[in-house]
Protein backbone atom coordinates (compact mmCIF):
# COMPACT_ATOMS: atom_id res chain seq x y z
CA UNK A 1 -40.85 122.12 -43.64
CA UNK A 2 -41.68 123.15 -47.28
CA UNK A 3 -38.76 122.19 -50.01
CA UNK A 4 -38.52 123.38 -53.49
CA UNK A 5 -36.91 121.00 -56.12
CA UNK A 6 -35.47 122.98 -59.18
CA UNK A 7 -34.47 121.38 -62.64
CA UNK A 8 -31.13 119.89 -62.25
CA UNK A 9 -28.81 116.99 -62.92
CA UNK A 10 -27.51 114.54 -60.73
CA UNK A 11 -24.33 112.19 -60.67
CA UNK A 12 -22.27 110.37 -58.56
CA UNK A 13 -22.68 107.50 -55.82
CA UNK A 14 -25.59 107.30 -53.21
CA UNK A 15 -26.17 104.59 -50.78
CA UNK A 16 -29.91 103.34 -50.17
CA UNK A 17 -30.95 103.63 -46.53
CA UNK A 18 -31.51 100.37 -44.78
CA UNK A 19 -34.80 98.70 -45.29
CA UNK A 20 -37.66 99.78 -43.19
CA UNK A 21 -39.57 96.74 -43.47
CA UNK A 22 -36.76 94.66 -42.57
CA UNK A 23 -36.00 97.04 -39.36
CA UNK A 24 -39.40 96.75 -38.26
CA UNK A 25 -39.39 93.19 -38.04
CA UNK A 26 -36.02 92.98 -36.93
CA UNK A 27 -36.65 95.25 -33.93
CA UNK A 28 -39.74 93.34 -32.90
CA UNK A 29 -38.19 89.77 -33.46
CA UNK A 30 -35.30 91.08 -31.13
CA UNK A 31 -37.92 91.86 -28.80
CA UNK A 32 -39.55 88.46 -28.98
CA UNK A 33 -36.08 86.85 -28.37
CA UNK A 34 -34.25 87.24 -25.12
CA UNK A 35 -32.37 89.60 -26.59
CA UNK A 36 -30.46 90.48 -30.03
CA UNK A 37 -28.26 93.17 -31.64
CA UNK A 38 -29.88 94.77 -35.07
CA UNK A 39 -26.97 95.83 -37.27
CA UNK A 40 -27.60 98.51 -39.91
CA UNK A 41 -30.97 99.44 -38.90
CA UNK A 42 -33.10 102.26 -40.42
CA UNK A 43 -33.63 104.53 -37.24
CA UNK A 44 -36.68 106.87 -38.47
CA UNK A 45 -40.04 107.87 -37.05
CA UNK A 46 -41.59 104.68 -37.79
CA UNK A 47 -39.10 102.30 -36.58
CA UNK A 48 -38.64 104.27 -33.28
CA UNK A 49 -42.33 103.62 -32.86
CA UNK A 50 -41.67 99.64 -32.96
CA UNK A 51 -38.80 100.17 -30.56
CA UNK A 52 -41.05 101.99 -27.94
CA UNK A 53 -43.51 99.29 -28.42
CA UNK A 54 -41.01 96.79 -27.51
CA UNK A 55 -39.92 98.77 -24.60
CA UNK A 56 -43.77 99.27 -23.56
CA UNK A 57 -43.68 95.22 -23.46
CA UNK A 58 -40.88 95.20 -20.83
CA UNK A 59 -37.83 95.12 -23.39
CA UNK A 60 -35.21 97.59 -23.92
CA UNK A 61 -33.80 99.26 -27.01
CA UNK A 62 -30.37 100.88 -26.92
CA UNK A 63 -28.77 102.66 -29.91
CA UNK A 64 -24.99 102.39 -29.82
CA UNK A 65 -22.99 105.47 -31.39
CA UNK A 66 -21.22 105.88 -34.01
CA UNK A 67 -22.52 102.66 -35.48
CA UNK A 68 -25.91 103.06 -35.05
CA UNK A 69 -26.79 99.37 -34.23
CA UNK A 70 -29.37 98.62 -31.93
CA UNK A 71 -28.85 96.48 -28.65
CA UNK A 72 -32.02 94.85 -27.79
CA UNK A 73 -33.18 93.27 -24.63
CA UNK A 74 -35.98 91.26 -25.49
CA UNK A 75 -39.28 90.02 -23.51
CA UNK A 76 -38.37 86.34 -24.35
CA UNK A 77 -41.64 85.53 -26.07
CA UNK A 78 -43.57 86.79 -23.18
CA UNK A 79 -44.77 90.50 -23.46
CA UNK A 80 -45.89 92.38 -20.24
CA UNK A 81 -48.99 94.30 -20.14
CA UNK A 82 -47.92 98.03 -20.95
CA UNK A 83 -48.14 100.48 -18.32
CA UNK A 84 -49.43 102.89 -20.88
CA UNK A 85 -51.34 103.24 -24.14
CA UNK A 86 -48.62 102.50 -26.95
CA UNK A 87 -48.68 105.25 -29.62
CA UNK A 88 -47.82 103.95 -32.96
CA UNK A 89 -47.57 107.55 -34.43
CA UNK A 90 -47.92 107.29 -38.39
CA UNK A 91 -46.72 103.93 -38.70
CA UNK A 92 -49.15 101.33 -39.81
CA UNK A 93 -46.47 98.54 -39.62
CA UNK A 94 -45.90 98.86 -35.98
CA UNK A 95 -49.69 99.07 -35.34
CA UNK A 96 -50.26 95.77 -37.25
CA UNK A 97 -47.32 93.85 -35.92
CA UNK A 98 -47.70 94.95 -32.43
CA UNK A 99 -51.18 94.08 -32.22
CA UNK A 100 -49.97 90.40 -32.75
CA UNK A 101 -47.50 90.88 -29.73
CA UNK A 102 -50.33 92.56 -27.64
CA UNK A 103 -52.44 89.35 -28.01
CA UNK A 104 -49.85 87.48 -26.09
CA UNK A 105 -49.90 89.54 -22.94
CA UNK A 106 -52.08 88.44 -20.05
CA UNK A 107 -54.01 91.44 -19.91
CA UNK A 108 -55.29 94.57 -21.95
CA UNK A 109 -53.22 96.58 -24.42
CA UNK A 110 -54.46 99.89 -26.22
CA UNK A 111 -52.81 100.93 -29.26
CA UNK A 112 -53.58 104.37 -31.01
CA UNK A 113 -51.52 106.55 -33.50
CA UNK A 114 -51.89 109.80 -35.11
CA UNK A 115 -55.19 110.97 -37.23
CA UNK A 116 -53.88 109.23 -40.51
CA UNK A 117 -53.18 105.80 -38.83
CA UNK A 118 -56.44 106.14 -36.84
CA UNK A 119 -58.24 105.85 -40.44
CA UNK A 120 -56.57 102.68 -41.56
CA UNK A 121 -58.28 99.40 -41.52
CA UNK A 122 -57.36 97.08 -38.87
CA UNK A 123 -60.73 94.84 -38.72
CA UNK A 124 -59.45 91.84 -40.33
CA UNK A 125 -56.63 91.38 -37.75
CA UNK A 126 -59.01 92.06 -34.80
CA UNK A 127 -61.25 89.30 -36.23
CA UNK A 128 -58.26 86.85 -36.17
CA UNK A 129 -57.54 87.64 -33.00
CA UNK A 130 -61.04 86.73 -31.60
CA UNK A 131 -60.82 83.51 -33.50
CA UNK A 132 -57.86 82.83 -31.66
CA UNK A 133 -59.71 83.36 -28.41
CA UNK A 134 -58.37 86.65 -27.70
CA UNK A 135 -60.37 89.88 -27.04
CA UNK A 136 -59.73 92.62 -29.70
CA UNK A 137 -61.86 95.76 -30.56
CA UNK A 138 -61.93 99.18 -32.11
CA UNK A 139 -62.89 101.77 -29.46
CA UNK A 140 -65.24 103.27 -32.04
CA UNK A 141 -66.64 100.00 -33.37
CA UNK A 142 -65.22 100.92 -36.99
CA UNK A 143 -62.30 98.59 -37.19
CA UNK A 144 -59.92 101.38 -36.91
CA UNK A 145 -57.69 102.74 -33.95
CA UNK A 146 -57.76 103.13 -31.22
CA UNK A 147 -57.73 99.29 -30.46
CA UNK A 148 -57.91 97.22 -27.38
CA UNK A 149 -56.13 94.03 -27.38
CA UNK A 150 -56.39 91.46 -24.62
CA UNK A 151 -54.85 88.00 -24.22
CA UNK A 152 -53.24 85.71 -23.92
CA UNK A 153 -53.83 83.56 -27.08
CA UNK A 154 -52.52 80.14 -27.25
CA UNK A 155 -52.61 79.61 -30.73
CA UNK A 156 -55.35 77.76 -33.30
CA UNK A 157 -56.58 78.60 -36.77
CA UNK A 158 -57.60 81.99 -38.17
CA UNK A 159 -59.56 82.90 -41.30
CA UNK A 160 -58.28 86.29 -42.93
CA UNK A 161 -58.75 88.29 -46.13
CA UNK A 162 -55.46 88.61 -48.14
CA UNK A 163 -56.42 91.65 -49.91
CA UNK A 164 -56.37 94.35 -47.26
CA UNK A 165 -52.92 94.23 -45.87
CA UNK A 166 -49.95 91.20 -45.76
CA UNK A 167 -48.98 92.73 -42.40
CA UNK A 168 -51.98 90.93 -41.03
CA UNK A 169 -50.46 87.79 -41.76
CA UNK A 170 -47.07 88.80 -40.55
CA UNK A 171 -48.60 89.74 -37.35
CA UNK A 172 -49.73 86.53 -36.61
CA UNK A 173 -46.71 84.46 -37.98
CA UNK A 174 -44.56 86.45 -35.47
CA UNK A 175 -46.69 86.00 -32.68
CA UNK A 176 -47.63 82.53 -33.51
CA UNK A 177 -44.19 81.06 -33.16
CA UNK A 178 -44.09 81.64 -29.24
CA UNK A 179 -47.77 80.47 -28.57
CA UNK A 180 -48.28 77.10 -27.27
CA UNK A 181 -49.68 75.44 -30.28
CA UNK A 182 -49.00 77.48 -33.04
CA UNK A 183 -51.09 79.55 -35.45
CA UNK A 184 -52.66 78.55 -38.93
CA UNK A 185 -53.74 81.38 -41.23
CA UNK A 186 -56.23 80.59 -43.89
CA UNK A 187 -56.55 83.21 -46.43
CA UNK A 188 -60.15 83.66 -47.39
CA UNK A 189 -59.02 85.92 -50.52
CA UNK A 190 -56.06 86.30 -52.76
CA UNK A 191 -53.00 87.75 -50.91
CA UNK A 192 -51.73 91.12 -51.99
CA UNK A 193 -48.23 92.33 -51.38
CA UNK A 194 -47.18 88.75 -51.10
CA UNK A 195 -43.36 89.74 -51.05
CA UNK A 196 -43.74 91.14 -47.90
CA UNK A 197 -44.82 87.88 -46.33
CA UNK A 198 -41.72 86.25 -47.89
CA UNK A 199 -39.66 89.29 -46.21
CA UNK A 200 -41.21 88.20 -42.83
CA UNK A 201 -40.57 84.27 -43.47
CA UNK A 202 -37.06 85.01 -44.70
CA UNK A 203 -36.35 87.31 -41.34
CA UNK A 204 -38.01 84.66 -39.10
CA UNK A 205 -35.55 81.85 -40.56
CA UNK A 206 -32.68 84.23 -39.77
CA UNK A 207 -34.06 84.41 -36.50
CA UNK A 208 -34.18 80.53 -36.25
CA UNK A 209 -38.13 80.29 -36.26
CA UNK A 210 -39.86 77.88 -38.76
CA UNK A 211 -42.80 78.77 -41.00
CA UNK A 212 -44.54 76.93 -43.87
CA UNK A 213 -46.56 77.82 -46.87
CA UNK A 214 -49.41 75.63 -47.13
CA UNK A 215 -52.38 75.31 -49.19
CA UNK A 216 -54.47 78.14 -48.98
CA UNK A 217 -52.31 80.25 -46.28
CA UNK A 218 -49.22 79.96 -43.76
CA UNK A 219 -48.65 78.12 -40.70
CA UNK A 220 -46.13 78.35 -38.02
CA UNK A 221 -45.46 76.00 -35.34
CA UNK A 222 -45.64 76.98 -31.60
CA UNK A 223 -43.11 76.75 -28.72
CA UNK A 224 -40.28 78.30 -30.99
CA UNK A 225 -37.44 80.63 -29.72
CA UNK A 226 -36.31 83.47 -31.36
CA UNK A 227 -32.52 83.29 -31.55
CA UNK A 228 -30.45 84.74 -34.43
CA UNK A 229 -27.14 83.14 -35.39
CA UNK A 230 -24.66 84.80 -33.53
CA UNK A 231 -27.05 86.91 -31.70
CA UNK A 232 -27.21 89.71 -34.37
CA UNK A 233 -29.05 90.46 -37.44
CA UNK A 234 -27.89 92.92 -40.29
CA UNK A 235 -30.61 94.69 -42.24
CA UNK A 236 -30.40 94.87 -45.95
CA UNK A 237 -30.68 98.26 -48.05
CA UNK A 238 -34.29 99.03 -48.97
CA UNK A 239 -35.53 98.88 -52.38
CA UNK A 240 -38.49 101.23 -51.79
CA UNK A 241 -36.36 104.17 -50.94
CA UNK A 242 -33.86 103.07 -53.62
CA UNK A 243 -36.63 103.54 -56.28
CA UNK A 244 -36.54 107.35 -55.91
CA UNK A 245 -32.76 107.16 -56.45
CA UNK A 246 -32.98 105.09 -59.28
CA UNK A 247 -35.81 106.87 -60.92
CA UNK A 248 -33.62 110.32 -60.47
CA UNK A 249 -30.83 108.63 -62.46
CA UNK A 250 -33.10 107.41 -65.32
CA UNK A 251 -34.70 111.02 -65.74
CA UNK A 252 -31.79 113.28 -64.88
CA UNK A 253 -28.42 111.71 -64.79
CA UNK A 254 -26.67 112.16 -68.22
CA UNK A 255 -23.41 111.08 -66.72
CA UNK A 256 -24.99 108.05 -64.49
CA UNK A 257 -25.68 107.72 -61.06
CA UNK A 258 -24.63 104.48 -58.88
CA UNK A 259 -26.76 103.29 -56.14
CA UNK A 260 -25.00 101.09 -53.45
CA UNK A 261 -26.45 98.69 -50.80
CA UNK A 262 -28.76 96.85 -53.61
CA UNK A 263 -27.96 93.32 -52.73
CA UNK A 264 -30.73 90.88 -53.74
CA UNK A 265 -33.00 89.86 -50.90
CA UNK A 266 -36.85 88.89 -50.76
CA UNK A 267 -38.15 92.59 -51.15
CA UNK A 268 -40.67 92.72 -53.83
CA UNK A 269 -40.06 96.38 -54.51
CA UNK A 270 -36.68 95.22 -56.15
CA UNK A 271 -39.19 94.96 -59.23
CA UNK A 272 -38.23 98.75 -59.74
CA UNK A 273 -35.19 97.40 -61.67
CA UNK A 274 -37.04 95.33 -64.12
CA UNK A 275 -39.75 98.40 -64.55
CA UNK A 276 -37.30 100.74 -65.38
CA UNK A 277 -35.68 98.42 -67.92
CA UNK A 278 -38.75 97.82 -69.55
CA UNK A 279 -39.37 101.44 -69.86
CA UNK A 280 -36.09 101.85 -71.59
CA UNK A 281 -33.53 102.95 -68.93
CA UNK A 282 -29.95 102.27 -69.21
CA UNK A 283 -29.36 100.28 -66.34
CA UNK A 284 -26.97 97.37 -65.03
CA UNK A 285 -27.30 95.65 -61.58
CA UNK A 286 -24.12 93.88 -60.09
CA UNK A 287 -25.76 91.69 -57.66
CA UNK A 288 -22.75 90.39 -56.00
CA UNK A 289 -21.42 94.05 -55.37
CA UNK A 290 -24.83 95.42 -54.53
CA UNK A 291 -24.42 98.04 -56.91
CA UNK A 292 -26.84 99.56 -59.61
CA UNK A 293 -25.72 102.14 -62.23
CA UNK A 294 -28.39 103.85 -64.02
CA UNK A 295 -28.36 106.89 -66.78
CA UNK A 296 -30.74 109.19 -68.22
CA UNK A 297 -32.49 107.53 -71.20
CA UNK A 298 -35.69 108.14 -73.10
CA UNK A 299 -38.57 106.37 -71.36
CA UNK A 300 -41.81 104.68 -72.75
CA UNK A 301 -44.89 104.02 -71.22
CA UNK A 302 -45.88 100.57 -69.99
CA UNK A 303 -48.45 98.52 -67.97
CA UNK A 304 -47.52 97.74 -64.46
CA UNK A 305 -49.53 95.67 -61.60
CA UNK A 306 -48.64 96.89 -58.20
CA UNK A 307 -50.71 94.09 -56.27
CA UNK A 308 -47.49 92.89 -54.81
CA UNK A 309 -45.47 96.35 -54.68
CA UNK A 310 -48.04 98.99 -53.57
CA UNK A 311 -45.07 101.43 -52.28
CA UNK A 312 -43.75 101.69 -55.93
CA UNK A 313 -46.86 103.26 -57.19
CA UNK A 314 -45.77 107.07 -56.47
CA UNK A 315 -42.44 106.31 -58.26
CA UNK A 316 -43.97 104.74 -61.23
CA UNK A 317 -46.45 107.45 -61.82
CA UNK A 318 -43.76 110.19 -61.80
CA UNK A 319 -41.80 108.07 -64.26
CA UNK A 320 -45.04 107.63 -66.24
CA UNK A 321 -45.43 111.26 -66.50
CA UNK A 322 -42.01 111.98 -67.80
CA UNK A 323 -42.15 108.82 -70.44
CA UNK A 324 -43.43 108.88 -73.66
CA UNK A 325 -46.69 107.36 -74.32
CA UNK A 326 -49.24 106.16 -71.45
CA UNK A 327 -48.22 104.24 -68.28
CA UNK A 328 -50.94 102.13 -66.91
CA UNK A 329 -50.82 101.18 -63.29
CA UNK A 330 -53.40 98.38 -62.46
CA UNK A 331 -54.41 96.35 -59.48
CA UNK A 332 -54.10 99.23 -57.17
CA UNK A 333 -56.91 99.67 -55.14
CA UNK A 334 -55.06 98.57 -52.12
CA UNK A 335 -52.47 101.50 -52.37
CA UNK A 336 -55.63 103.69 -51.37
CA UNK A 337 -55.14 102.38 -47.67
CA UNK A 338 -51.75 103.66 -46.99
CA UNK A 339 -50.68 106.76 -44.98
CA UNK A 340 -52.90 108.63 -47.45
CA UNK A 341 -54.86 107.38 -50.74
CA UNK A 342 -51.72 107.32 -52.77
CA UNK A 343 -53.91 106.65 -56.08
CA UNK A 344 -55.57 110.07 -55.62
CA UNK A 345 -52.67 111.65 -54.02
CA UNK A 346 -50.57 111.01 -57.16
CA UNK A 347 -53.40 111.72 -59.56
CA UNK A 348 -54.20 115.08 -58.07
CA UNK A 349 -50.60 116.09 -57.53
CA UNK A 350 -49.43 115.21 -61.17
CA UNK A 351 -52.38 117.05 -62.59
CA UNK A 352 -51.33 120.05 -60.56
CA UNK A 353 -47.70 120.01 -62.02
CA UNK A 354 -48.84 119.74 -65.49
CA UNK A 355 -49.48 115.75 -66.32
CA UNK A 356 -52.64 114.23 -67.96
CA UNK A 357 -54.04 111.66 -65.72
CA UNK A 358 -56.83 109.19 -65.76
CA UNK A 359 -58.00 107.78 -62.26
CA UNK A 360 -60.31 104.54 -61.81
CA UNK A 361 -61.09 102.54 -58.78
CA UNK A 362 -58.07 100.36 -58.77
CA UNK A 363 -56.00 102.06 -61.95
CA UNK A 364 -54.12 105.10 -62.53
CA UNK A 365 -53.16 106.14 -66.15
CA UNK A 366 -50.53 108.44 -66.59
CA UNK A 367 -50.31 109.97 -70.11
CA UNK A 368 -46.81 111.07 -70.54
CA UNK A 369 -46.94 111.89 -74.12
CA UNK A 370 -49.80 114.35 -73.60
CA UNK A 371 -48.07 115.67 -70.45
CA UNK A 372 -45.61 118.79 -69.77
CA UNK A 373 -44.71 119.09 -66.12
CA UNK A 374 -44.49 122.95 -65.53
CA UNK A 375 -44.11 122.85 -61.74
CA UNK A 376 -46.25 124.09 -59.03
CA UNK A 377 -47.02 123.72 -55.61
CA UNK A 378 -48.25 120.23 -54.14
CA UNK A 379 -49.07 118.93 -50.50
CA UNK A 380 -46.96 116.12 -49.05
CA UNK A 381 -49.98 114.72 -47.50
CA UNK A 382 -48.13 113.32 -44.71
CA UNK A 383 -46.78 110.52 -46.99
CA UNK A 384 -43.12 109.97 -47.28
CA UNK A 385 -43.27 108.02 -50.36
CA UNK A 386 -45.74 110.66 -52.15
CA UNK A 387 -42.92 113.35 -51.25
CA UNK A 388 -40.06 111.75 -52.43
CA UNK A 389 -41.67 110.78 -55.75
CA UNK A 390 -42.68 114.45 -56.36
CA UNK A 391 -39.06 115.42 -55.88
CA UNK A 392 -37.98 113.40 -58.70
CA UNK A 393 -40.58 115.20 -60.89
CA UNK A 394 -39.01 118.57 -59.61
CA UNK A 395 -35.74 117.54 -61.14
CA UNK A 396 -37.17 117.71 -64.86
CA UNK A 397 -40.17 119.88 -64.53
CA UNK A 398 -40.12 123.48 -66.21
CA UNK A 399 -40.59 125.33 -63.17
CA UNK A 400 -39.51 124.43 -59.37
CA UNK A 401 -41.56 121.95 -57.57
CA UNK A 402 -42.56 123.18 -53.90
CA UNK A 403 -43.63 120.20 -51.75
CA UNK A 404 -45.42 121.26 -48.45
CA UNK A 405 -44.65 118.91 -45.26
CA UNK A 406 -41.80 117.42 -46.68
CA UNK A 407 -40.59 116.73 -43.25
CA UNK A 408 -42.42 113.49 -43.50
CA UNK A 409 -39.45 111.70 -45.35
CA UNK A 410 -38.17 111.06 -41.99
CA UNK A 411 -40.56 108.07 -41.72
CA UNK A 412 -38.23 105.99 -44.02
CA UNK A 413 -35.47 108.24 -45.58
CA UNK A 414 -34.42 110.93 -43.16
CA UNK A 415 -31.56 112.08 -45.11
CA UNK A 416 -33.16 112.10 -48.54
CA UNK A 417 -32.84 115.84 -49.31
CA UNK A 418 -29.30 115.89 -48.04
CA UNK A 419 -28.54 112.86 -50.43
CA UNK A 420 -30.38 114.73 -53.24
CA UNK A 421 -28.53 117.90 -52.86
CA UNK A 422 -25.35 115.97 -52.72
CA UNK A 423 -25.76 114.31 -56.02
CA UNK A 424 -26.56 117.83 -57.52
CA UNK A 425 -30.21 118.41 -57.19
CA UNK A 426 -31.37 121.69 -56.91
CA UNK A 427 -32.88 121.57 -53.31
CA UNK A 428 -34.15 124.73 -51.43
CA UNK A 429 -35.57 124.40 -48.00
CA UNK A 430 -37.96 126.94 -46.52
CA UNK A 431 -35.71 127.36 -43.72
CA UNK A 432 -32.86 128.43 -45.90
């Protein structure tokens, strides 16, 4: 599907979708349990992949209408050997978190995904499982999927780098809780995207699982049981997805836009609020009500480190192209290992649309003061976050911004273009 976004203003109220990060973890945590209900989940291409994995390990996931809650029958800490290959599609979170679960099964599990996912690094997690006396290999010997994981592991200590993906830590903490002796994770390098481990630990606590931050890493005692209070867990709103709505309000809403579902949580991407304020956006956040009001404002370039918030880079890059001055996005090398190389994707796409950018190994400079967004055609690159951020650029470009392959927003925000249109955005799909 190709989508064209024309210059337009937005107004009104929109609700952020539920958090993808929390939904992945909640579905798998309910799988580790005897069973649980997941309230307010994001039901998207990525989270459906995690649900399929839970079913492959012997659980069951039933979506109840019209509420949309998920009733999960778990495998109670003892995943069965899957009868078939687990296809994680385009979901890196699924593959990494499920790799930990696979290491508990008494036999071999094969994990694969689409072309993009099969190019993403998994080697450190495979090494960690080997350190825990499991067997883990890449079929091509390059640390990338397809992966073959064989257990069961009983726990122990694993050293792992922290600068590739925090999801490796999450996978080990979630699996370690149901091992015999627990798992200690020693970080050999500084942890990137640390708030995502905070999300994991917050959710695990809600499921009755204890974890601890220790000097140089984390630990989780073994022999624990996943058991959320009242048998259910409610997923909070997603600040990563919220960033596109807030950015749209800051650049294209003279009358103001309100985003609901914005209750505080451990999500690092709530930093988008502070980033917009630093750039000069007229913004207020009622944390008790979970509502953020934002209106179009003159923006100025700033320097932003994305070491802990890699998913915000596309949003910040587009804001930088619209703001006066230069926006410097630093500490960004790990953002190259997402669904696509997001640093290059945003540099090339914004250049196509008329922006002046400078791309370095781990930095992206967007020279808004020297830019004039003229519109054009850009590729979605199979990356939901690139697509939604470029849609924001279309709201203010002099000509339409056409995004090819725009259907990939289904990964995290299935109704994004409907919401944007409802708010007043000029949205044209190629099927219309």
